[in-house]
Protein backbone atom coordinates (compact mmCIF):
# COMPACT_ATOMS: atom_id res chain seq x y z
CA MET A 1 80.20 125.27 115.73
CA THR A 2 81.05 124.19 111.70
CA LYS A 3 79.95 121.86 110.50
CA HIS A 4 81.75 118.34 109.02
CA THR A 5 82.12 116.86 106.76
CA THR A 6 78.51 115.38 105.28
CA GLY A 7 78.77 111.54 103.96
CA ALA A 8 80.64 108.17 104.80
CA TRP A 9 84.11 107.99 105.49
CA GLU A 10 86.68 105.94 104.59
CA ILE A 11 90.32 104.76 105.64
CA GLU A 12 92.67 103.91 102.78
CA GLY A 13 96.10 103.31 102.21
CA ASP A 14 98.93 100.79 104.11
CA TRP A 15 97.41 101.18 108.13
CA SER A 16 99.35 97.69 107.97
CA GLY A 17 101.89 98.59 110.45
CA GLY A 18 105.65 99.54 109.09
CA PRO A 19 107.43 102.45 108.16
CA ASN A 20 105.22 103.33 104.91
CA MET A 21 102.01 102.86 107.67
CA GLY A 22 99.89 106.22 105.98
CA GLY A 23 96.95 107.19 103.93
CA TRP A 24 94.19 108.99 102.77
CA ILE A 25 90.83 110.05 104.71
CA THR A 26 88.42 109.62 101.61
CA THR A 27 85.24 111.64 101.75
CA PRO A 28 82.39 112.02 98.90
CA HIS A 29 83.68 115.85 99.13
CA CYS A 30 87.38 115.78 99.72
CA VAL A 31 90.93 113.64 101.11
CA PHE A 32 92.91 113.69 103.86
CA GLU A 33 96.06 112.51 104.24
CA ILE A 34 96.92 111.47 107.24
CA SER A 35 100.66 111.20 108.16
CA PRO A 36 101.26 109.44 111.89
CA ILE A 37 104.07 111.76 113.17
CA CYS A 38 103.76 109.78 116.47
CA GLY A 39 101.90 106.93 118.98
CA SER A 40 102.69 102.95 118.62
CA GLU A 41 101.44 101.29 115.65
CA ARG A 42 98.12 100.24 117.38
CA GLU A 43 97.31 103.76 118.78
CA ILE A 44 97.51 105.24 114.93
CA VAL A 45 95.28 103.11 113.64
CA ALA A 46 92.66 103.14 116.82
CA ASP A 47 92.84 106.22 116.25
CA ILE A 48 92.50 106.62 112.01
CA ARG A 49 89.69 104.34 113.00
CA LEU A 50 88.01 107.07 114.95
CA ILE A 51 88.48 109.91 112.97
CA ALA A 52 87.57 107.90 110.22
CA ALA A 53 83.64 106.75 112.59
CA ALA A 54 83.09 110.24 113.08
CA PRO A 55 79.83 111.64 111.48
CA LYS A 56 78.55 107.67 112.78
CA MET A 57 79.24 108.78 116.25
CA LEU A 58 77.60 112.53 115.37
CA ALA A 59 74.19 110.64 113.59
CA ALA A 60 73.80 108.37 115.94
CA LEU A 61 74.11 110.87 119.18
CA GLU A 62 72.42 113.03 117.05
CA ARG A 63 69.50 110.22 116.95
CA ALA A 64 70.28 109.72 120.95
CA ALA A 65 68.91 112.98 122.36
CA LYS A 66 65.64 113.09 119.90
CA LYS A 67 64.81 110.15 121.52
CA LEU A 68 66.57 111.55 125.28
CA THR A 69 63.94 113.10 127.62
CA LEU A 70 66.02 115.78 129.96
CA ASP A 71 64.59 114.56 132.84
CA GLU A 72 66.68 110.55 131.98
CA CYS A 73 69.88 113.38 130.81
CA ILE A 74 69.93 114.29 134.45
CA GLU A 75 69.12 110.74 135.75
CA CYS A 76 72.24 109.56 133.73
CA GLY A 77 74.14 112.43 133.72
CA ILE A 78 74.91 113.21 129.80
CA GLU A 79 72.28 116.55 130.80
CA VAL A 80 74.89 119.18 129.23
CA ALA A 81 76.45 116.96 126.01
CA LEU A 82 71.79 117.00 125.08
CA VAL A 83 71.44 120.72 125.71
CA GLU A 84 75.16 121.33 123.23
CA THR A 85 73.77 119.30 120.27
CA ARG A 86 70.59 120.29 120.82
CA SER A 87 72.10 124.00 120.55
CA ALA A 88 73.94 123.19 117.49
């Protein structure tokens, strides 16, 4: 599995809507330019926020995977996700 760019990911630019909407996701190591090409303004902004939240979501999943036992995961239906997370 490829490692992601570490550190906090921040959203910058103009995401308020309109024809000039666009911007960047910045990390401690690089900048990713984002140019929305499809979807409604609401969908585009939601996607940008989801992308920027990815490192925090990964960290939360890794913490949860360490605390859950395999039996707990089978009961809640996330056995496969747990196994994949632990093997990564």
